[in-house]
Amino acid sequence: MIAEKAWAKLHGSYMTTNGGQTTNVFTHLAGYPSFYVDHTVDGFDWDMLWKRLMKADDRDYCIMT
């Protein structure tokens, strides 16, 4: 919620942010590499996601939901 508030403040208001994903906030405000995962698609590869999460954790990346 704090990141969303900072994002809205940067853009003048919540109305101007057009929704978006938290990944956008961290990329632009903090320079963190980020990606969005849509796990609702048919045939989603949960093993691939787990491997990416473990790799990110090993590198001490910020992981958020």
PDB file of N, CA and C in Angstrom:
ATOM      1  N   MET A   1       0.813  -1.186   0.000  1.00  0.00           N
ATOM      2  CA  MET A   1       0.000   0.000   0.000  1.00  0.00           C
ATOM      3  C   MET A   1       0.865   1.260   0.000  1.00  0.00           C
ATOM      4  N   ILE A   2       1.984   1.210   0.671  1.00  0.00           N
ATOM      5  CA  ILE A   2       2.872   2.371   0.705  1.00  0.00           C
ATOM      6  C   ILE A   2       3.441   2.632  -0.683  1.00  0.00           C
ATOM      7  N   ALA A   3       3.808   1.557  -1.382  1.00  0.00           N
ATOM      8  CA  ALA A   3       4.345   1.711  -2.737  1.00  0.00           C
ATOM      9  C   ALA A   3       3.287   2.297  -3.665  1.00  0.00           C
ATOM     10  N   GLU A   4       2.041   1.843  -3.531  1.00  0.00           N
ATOM     11  CA  GLU A   4       0.964   2.380  -4.368  1.00  0.00           C
ATOM     12  C   GLU A   4       0.744   3.860  -4.082  1.00  0.00           C
ATOM     13  N   LYS A   5       0.820   4.237  -2.818  1.00  0.00           N
ATOM     14  CA  LYS A   5       0.644   5.642  -2.445  1.00  0.00           C
ATOM     15  C   LYS A   5       1.776   6.495  -3.036  1.00  0.00           C
ATOM     16  N   ALA A   6       3.005   5.990  -2.949  1.00  0.00           N
ATOM     17  CA  ALA A   6       4.141   6.724  -3.526  1.00  0.00           C
ATOM     18  C   ALA A   6       3.989   6.852  -5.040  1.00  0.00           C
ATOM     19  N   TRP A   7       3.524   5.794  -5.677  1.00  0.00           N
ATOM     20  CA  TRP A   7       3.311   5.799  -7.126  1.00  0.00           C
ATOM     21  C   TRP A   7       2.265   6.841  -7.508  1.00  0.00           C
ATOM     22  N   ALA A   8       1.151   6.865  -6.764  1.00  0.00           N
ATOM     23  CA  ALA A   8       0.090   7.837  -7.028  1.00  0.00           C
ATOM     24  C   ALA A   8       0.598   9.254  -6.776  1.00  0.00           C
ATOM     25  N   LYS A   9       1.377   9.440  -5.733  1.00  0.00           N
ATOM     26  CA  LYS A   9       1.930  10.768  -5.414  1.00  0.00           C
ATOM     27  C   LYS A   9       2.839  11.239  -6.553  1.00  0.00           C
ATOM     28  N   LEU A  10       3.637  10.331  -7.079  1.00  0.00           N
ATOM     29  CA  LEU A  10       4.531  10.661  -8.189  1.00  0.00           C
ATOM     30  C   LEU A  10       3.745  11.122  -9.411  1.00  0.00           C
ATOM     31  N   HIS A  11       2.569  10.518  -9.624  1.00  0.00           N
ATOM     32  CA  HIS A  11       1.745  10.836 -10.794  1.00  0.00           C
ATOM     33  C   HIS A  11       0.631  11.837 -10.508  1.00  0.00           C
ATOM     34  N   GLY A  12       0.574  12.370  -9.313  1.00  0.00           N
ATOM     35  CA  GLY A  12      -0.390  13.419  -9.005  1.00  0.00           C
ATOM     36  C   GLY A  12      -1.651  12.944  -8.315  1.00  0.00           C
ATOM     37  N   SER A  13      -2.095  11.709  -8.593  1.00  0.00           N
ATOM     38  CA  SER A  13      -3.279  11.164  -7.934  1.00  0.00           C
ATOM     39  C   SER A  13      -3.451   9.698  -8.312  1.00  0.00           C
ATOM     40  N   TYR A  14      -4.342   9.035  -7.590  1.00  0.00           N
ATOM     41  CA  TYR A  14      -4.646   7.648  -7.936  1.00  0.00           C
ATOM     42  C   TYR A  14      -5.343   7.558  -9.292  1.00  0.00           C
ATOM     43  N   MET A  15      -6.112   8.565  -9.621  1.00  0.00           N
ATOM     44  CA  MET A  15      -6.864   8.571 -10.885  1.00  0.00           C
ATOM     45  C   MET A  15      -5.941   8.500 -12.102  1.00  0.00           C
ATOM     46  N   THR A  16      -4.752   9.049 -12.010  1.00  0.00           N
ATOM     47  CA  THR A  16      -3.847   9.095 -13.158  1.00  0.00           C
ATOM     48  C   THR A  16      -2.970   7.855 -13.295  1.00  0.00           C
ATOM     49  N   THR A  17      -3.018   6.933 -12.338  1.00  0.00           N
ATOM     50  CA  THR A  17      -2.125   5.777 -12.404  1.00  0.00           C
ATOM     51  C   THR A  17      -2.675   4.634 -13.236  1.00  0.00           C
ATOM     52  N   ASN A  18      -3.966   4.635 -13.561  1.00  0.00           N
ATOM     53  CA  ASN A  18      -4.574   3.602 -14.415  1.00  0.00           C
ATOM     54  C   ASN A  18      -4.368   2.189 -13.882  1.00  0.00           C
ATOM     55  N   GLY A  19      -4.464   2.009 -12.597  1.00  0.00           N
ATOM     56  CA  GLY A  19      -4.310   0.660 -12.034  1.00  0.00           C
ATOM     57  C   GLY A  19      -2.872   0.225 -12.083  1.00  0.00           C
ATOM     58  N   GLY A  20      -2.571  -0.789 -12.849  1.00  0.00           N
ATOM     59  CA  GLY A  20      -1.195  -1.249 -13.002  1.00  0.00           C
ATOM     60  C   GLY A  20      -0.826  -2.325 -12.002  1.00  0.00           C
ATOM     61  N   GLN A  21       0.377  -2.791 -12.104  1.00  0.00           N
ATOM     62  CA  GLN A  21       0.892  -3.842 -11.238  1.00  0.00           C
ATOM     63  C   GLN A  21       1.954  -3.278 -10.311  1.00  0.00           C
ATOM     64  N   THR A  22       2.138  -3.936  -9.179  1.00  0.00           N
ATOM     65  CA  THR A  22       3.164  -3.516  -8.226  1.00  0.00           C
ATOM     66  C   THR A  22       4.546  -3.587  -8.852  1.00  0.00           C
ATOM     67  N   THR A  23       4.717  -4.467  -9.832  1.00  0.00           N
ATOM     68  CA  THR A  23       6.012  -4.574 -10.500  1.00  0.00           C
ATOM     69  C   THR A  23       6.412  -3.247 -11.139  1.00  0.00           C
ATOM     70  N   ASN A  24       5.444  -2.519 -11.676  1.00  0.00           N
ATOM     71  CA  ASN A  24       5.741  -1.212 -12.268  1.00  0.00           C
ATOM     72  C   ASN A  24       6.293  -0.253 -11.227  1.00  0.00           C
ATOM     73  N   VAL A  25       5.714  -0.282 -10.049  1.00  0.00           N
ATOM     74  CA  VAL A  25       6.127   0.622  -8.982  1.00  0.00           C
ATOM     75  C   VAL A  25       7.583   0.381  -8.611  1.00  0.00           C
ATOM     76  N   PHE A  26       7.944  -0.862  -8.342  1.00  0.00           N
ATOM     77  CA  PHE A  26       9.300  -1.142  -7.911  1.00  0.00           C
ATOM     78  C   PHE A  26      10.324  -0.927  -9.013  1.00  0.00           C
ATOM     79  N   THR A  27       9.965  -1.165 -10.243  1.00  0.00           N
ATOM     80  CA  THR A  27      10.882  -0.905 -11.336  1.00  0.00           C
ATOM     81  C   THR A  27      11.184   0.586 -11.447  1.00  0.00           C
ATOM     82  N   HIS A  28      10.156   1.405 -11.377  1.00  0.00           N
ATOM     83  CA  HIS A  28      10.333   2.842 -11.578  1.00  0.00           C
ATOM     84  C   HIS A  28      10.813   3.590 -10.342  1.00  0.00           C
ATOM     85  N   LEU A  29      10.344   3.222  -9.159  1.00  0.00           N
ATOM     86  CA  LEU A  29      10.723   3.951  -7.953  1.00  0.00           C
ATOM     87  C   LEU A  29      12.050   3.491  -7.368  1.00  0.00           C
ATOM     88  N   ALA A  30      12.339   2.201  -7.438  1.00  0.00           N
ATOM     89  CA  ALA A  30      13.527   1.681  -6.779  1.00  0.00           C
ATOM     90  C   ALA A  30      14.552   1.081  -7.736  1.00  0.00           C
ATOM     91  N   GLY A  31      14.175   0.893  -8.997  1.00  0.00           N
ATOM     92  CA  GLY A  31      15.101   0.325  -9.962  1.00  0.00           C
ATOM     93  C   GLY A  31      15.274  -1.179  -9.838  1.00  0.00           C
ATOM     94  N   TYR A  32      14.392  -1.847  -9.105  1.00  0.00           N
ATOM     95  CA  TYR A  32      14.469  -3.292  -8.966  1.00  0.00           C
ATOM     96  C   TYR A  32      14.022  -3.987 -10.249  1.00  0.00           C
ATOM     97  N   PRO A  33      14.709  -5.065 -10.634  1.00  0.00           N
ATOM     98  CA  PRO A  33      14.184  -5.863 -11.740  1.00  0.00           C
ATOM     99  C   PRO A  33      12.915  -6.560 -11.257  1.00  0.00           C
ATOM    100  N   SER A  34      11.932  -6.675 -12.113  1.00  0.00           N
ATOM    101  CA  SER A  34      10.689  -7.291 -11.680  1.00  0.00           C
ATOM    102  C   SER A  34       9.975  -7.962 -12.842  1.00  0.00           C
ATOM    103  N   PHE A  35       9.066  -8.859 -12.499  1.00  0.00           N
ATOM    104  CA  PHE A  35       8.238  -9.497 -13.503  1.00  0.00           C
ATOM    105  C   PHE A  35       6.905  -9.862 -12.874  1.00  0.00           C
ATOM    106  N   TYR A  36       5.895  -9.950 -13.696  1.00  0.00           N
ATOM    107  CA  TYR A  36       4.545 -10.294 -13.265  1.00  0.00           C
ATOM    108  C   TYR A  36       4.241 -11.710 -13.719  1.00  0.00           C
ATOM    109  N   VAL A  37       3.640 -12.501 -12.857  1.00  0.00           N
ATOM    110  CA  VAL A  37       3.288 -13.876 -13.183  1.00  0.00           C
ATOM    111  C   VAL A  37       1.772 -14.024 -13.143  1.00  0.00           C
ATOM    112  N   ASP A  38       1.190 -14.413 -14.251  1.00  0.00           N
ATOM    113  CA  ASP A  38      -0.252 -14.695 -14.296  1.00  0.00           C
ATOM    114  C   ASP A  38      -0.427 -16.204 -14.157  1.00  0.00           C
ATOM    115  N   HIS A  39      -0.688 -16.646 -12.946  1.00  0.00           N
ATOM    116  CA  HIS A  39      -0.794 -18.074 -12.667  1.00  0.00           C
ATOM    117  C   HIS A  39      -2.192 -18.634 -12.949  1.00  0.00           C
ATOM    118  N   THR A  40      -3.080 -17.814 -13.492  1.00  0.00           N
ATOM    119  CA  THR A  40      -4.446 -18.260 -13.753  1.00  0.00           C
ATOM    120  C   THR A  40      -4.621 -18.874 -15.144  1.00  0.00           C
ATOM    121  N   VAL A  41      -3.587 -18.834 -15.969  1.00  0.00           N
ATOM    122  CA  VAL A  41      -3.709 -19.376 -17.325  1.00  0.00           C
ATOM    123  C   VAL A  41      -3.681 -20.907 -17.291  1.00  0.00           C
ATOM    124  N   ASP A  42      -4.356 -21.523 -18.243  1.00  0.00           N
ATOM    125  CA  ASP A  42      -4.367 -22.983 -18.338  1.00  0.00           C
ATOM    126  C   ASP A  42      -2.960 -23.504 -18.608  1.00  0.00           C
ATOM    127  N   GLY A  43      -2.609 -24.587 -17.966  1.00  0.00           N
ATOM    128  CA  GLY A  43      -1.309 -25.201 -18.194  1.00  0.00           C
ATOM    129  C   GLY A  43      -0.155 -24.453 -17.555  1.00  0.00           C
ATOM    130  N   PHE A  44      -0.430 -23.643 -16.538  1.00  0.00           N
ATOM    131  CA  PHE A  44       0.636 -22.871 -15.894  1.00  0.00           C
ATOM    132  C   PHE A  44       1.699 -23.817 -15.335  1.00  0.00           C
ATOM    133  N   ASP A  45       2.968 -23.476 -15.546  1.00  0.00           N
ATOM    134  CA  ASP A  45       4.087 -24.306 -15.112  1.00  0.00           C
ATOM    135  C   ASP A  45       4.522 -23.903 -13.701  1.00  0.00           C
ATOM    136  N   TRP A  46       3.950 -24.581 -12.710  1.00  0.00           N
ATOM    137  CA  TRP A  46       4.248 -24.260 -11.311  1.00  0.00           C
ATOM    138  C   TRP A  46       5.698 -24.576 -10.959  1.00  0.00           C
ATOM    139  N   ASP A  47       6.271 -25.606 -11.571  1.00  0.00           N
ATOM    140  CA  ASP A  47       7.670 -25.933 -11.307  1.00  0.00           C
ATOM    141  C   ASP A  47       8.597 -24.815 -11.767  1.00  0.00           C
ATOM    142  N   MET A  48       8.296 -24.221 -12.915  1.00  0.00           N
ATOM    143  CA  MET A  48       9.099 -23.101 -13.419  1.00  0.00           C
ATOM    144  C   MET A  48       9.015 -21.922 -12.456  1.00  0.00           C
ATOM    145  N   LEU A  49       7.812 -21.655 -11.969  1.00  0.00           N
ATOM    146  CA  LEU A  49       7.650 -20.544 -11.018  1.00  0.00           C
ATOM    147  C   LEU A  49       8.454 -20.809  -9.759  1.00  0.00           C
ATOM    148  N   TRP A  50       8.377 -22.007  -9.224  1.00  0.00           N
ATOM    149  CA  TRP A  50       9.117 -22.337  -8.018  1.00  0.00           C
ATOM    150  C   TRP A  50      10.628 -22.167  -8.235  1.00  0.00           C
ATOM    151  N   LYS A  51      11.138 -22.603  -9.377  1.00  0.00           N
ATOM    152  CA  LYS A  51      12.568 -22.446  -9.683  1.00  0.00           C
ATOM    153  C   LYS A  51      12.952 -20.974  -9.745  1.00  0.00           C
ATOM    154  N   ARG A  52      12.101 -20.157 -10.365  1.00  0.00           N
ATOM    155  CA  ARG A  52      12.394 -18.709 -10.445  1.00  0.00           C
ATOM    156  C   ARG A  52      12.378 -18.069  -9.065  1.00  0.00           C
ATOM    157  N   LEU A  53      11.423 -18.491  -8.224  1.00  0.00           N
ATOM    158  CA  LEU A  53      11.354 -17.948  -6.863  1.00  0.00           C
ATOM    159  C   LEU A  53      12.572 -18.345  -6.041  1.00  0.00           C
ATOM    160  N   MET A  54      12.993 -19.586  -6.156  1.00  0.00           N
ATOM    161  CA  MET A  54      14.171 -20.042  -5.415  1.00  0.00           C
ATOM    162  C   MET A  54      15.438 -19.309  -5.882  1.00  0.00           C
ATOM    163  N   LYS A  55      15.553 -19.088  -7.183  1.00  0.00           N
ATOM    164  CA  LYS A  55      16.699 -18.362  -7.726  1.00  0.00           C
ATOM    165  C   LYS A  55      16.697 -16.914  -7.223  1.00  0.00           C
ATOM    166  N   ALA A  56      15.517 -16.296  -7.220  1.00  0.00           N
ATOM    167  CA  ALA A  56      15.403 -14.925  -6.721  1.00  0.00           C
ATOM    168  C   ALA A  56      15.738 -14.860  -5.241  1.00  0.00           C
ATOM    169  N   ASP A  57      15.295 -15.834  -4.467  1.00  0.00           N
ATOM    170  CA  ASP A  57      15.594 -15.871  -3.041  1.00  0.00           C
ATOM    171  C   ASP A  57      17.089 -16.046  -2.804  1.00  0.00           C
ATOM    172  N   ASP A  58      17.735 -16.904  -3.586  1.00  0.00           N
ATOM    173  CA  ASP A  58      19.183 -17.092  -3.461  1.00  0.00           C
ATOM    174  C   ASP A  58      19.947 -15.802  -3.712  1.00  0.00           C
ATOM    175  N   ARG A  59      19.399 -14.960  -4.566  1.00  0.00           N
ATOM    176  CA  ARG A  59      20.051 -13.685  -4.904  1.00  0.00           C
ATOM    177  C   ARG A  59      19.584 -12.536  -4.001  1.00  0.00           C
ATOM    178  N   ASP A  60      18.788 -12.862  -2.986  1.00  0.00           N
ATOM    179  CA  ASP A  60      18.257 -11.874  -2.028  1.00  0.00           C
ATOM    180  C   ASP A  60      17.394 -10.804  -2.687  1.00  0.00           C
ATOM    181  N   TYR A  61      16.664 -11.195  -3.722  1.00  0.00           N
ATOM    182  CA  TYR A  61      15.732 -10.273  -4.369  1.00  0.00           C
ATOM    183  C   TYR A  61      14.509 -10.059  -3.482  1.00  0.00           C
ATOM    184  N   CYS A  62      13.856  -8.964  -3.663  1.00  0.00           N
ATOM    185  CA  CYS A  62      12.602  -8.682  -2.984  1.00  0.00           C
ATOM    186  C   CYS A  62      11.512  -9.486  -3.686  1.00  0.00           C
ATOM    187  N   ILE A  63      10.787 -10.303  -2.923  1.00  0.00           N
ATOM    188  CA  ILE A  63       9.709 -11.121  -3.485  1.00  0.00           C
ATOM    189  C   ILE A  63       8.417 -10.663  -2.843  1.00  0.00           C
ATOM    190  N   MET A  64       7.424 -10.346  -3.684  1.00  0.00           N
ATOM    191  CA  MET A  64       6.158  -9.848  -3.150  1.00  0.00           C
ATOM    192  C   MET A  64       4.985 -10.508  -3.832  1.00  0.00           C
ATOM    193  N   THR A  65       3.836 -10.443  -3.186  1.00  0.00           N
ATOM    194  CA  THR A  65       2.628 -11.018  -3.762  1.00  0.00           C
ATOM    195  C   THR A  65       1.651  -9.925  -4.077  1.00  0.00           C
TER     196      THR A  65
END
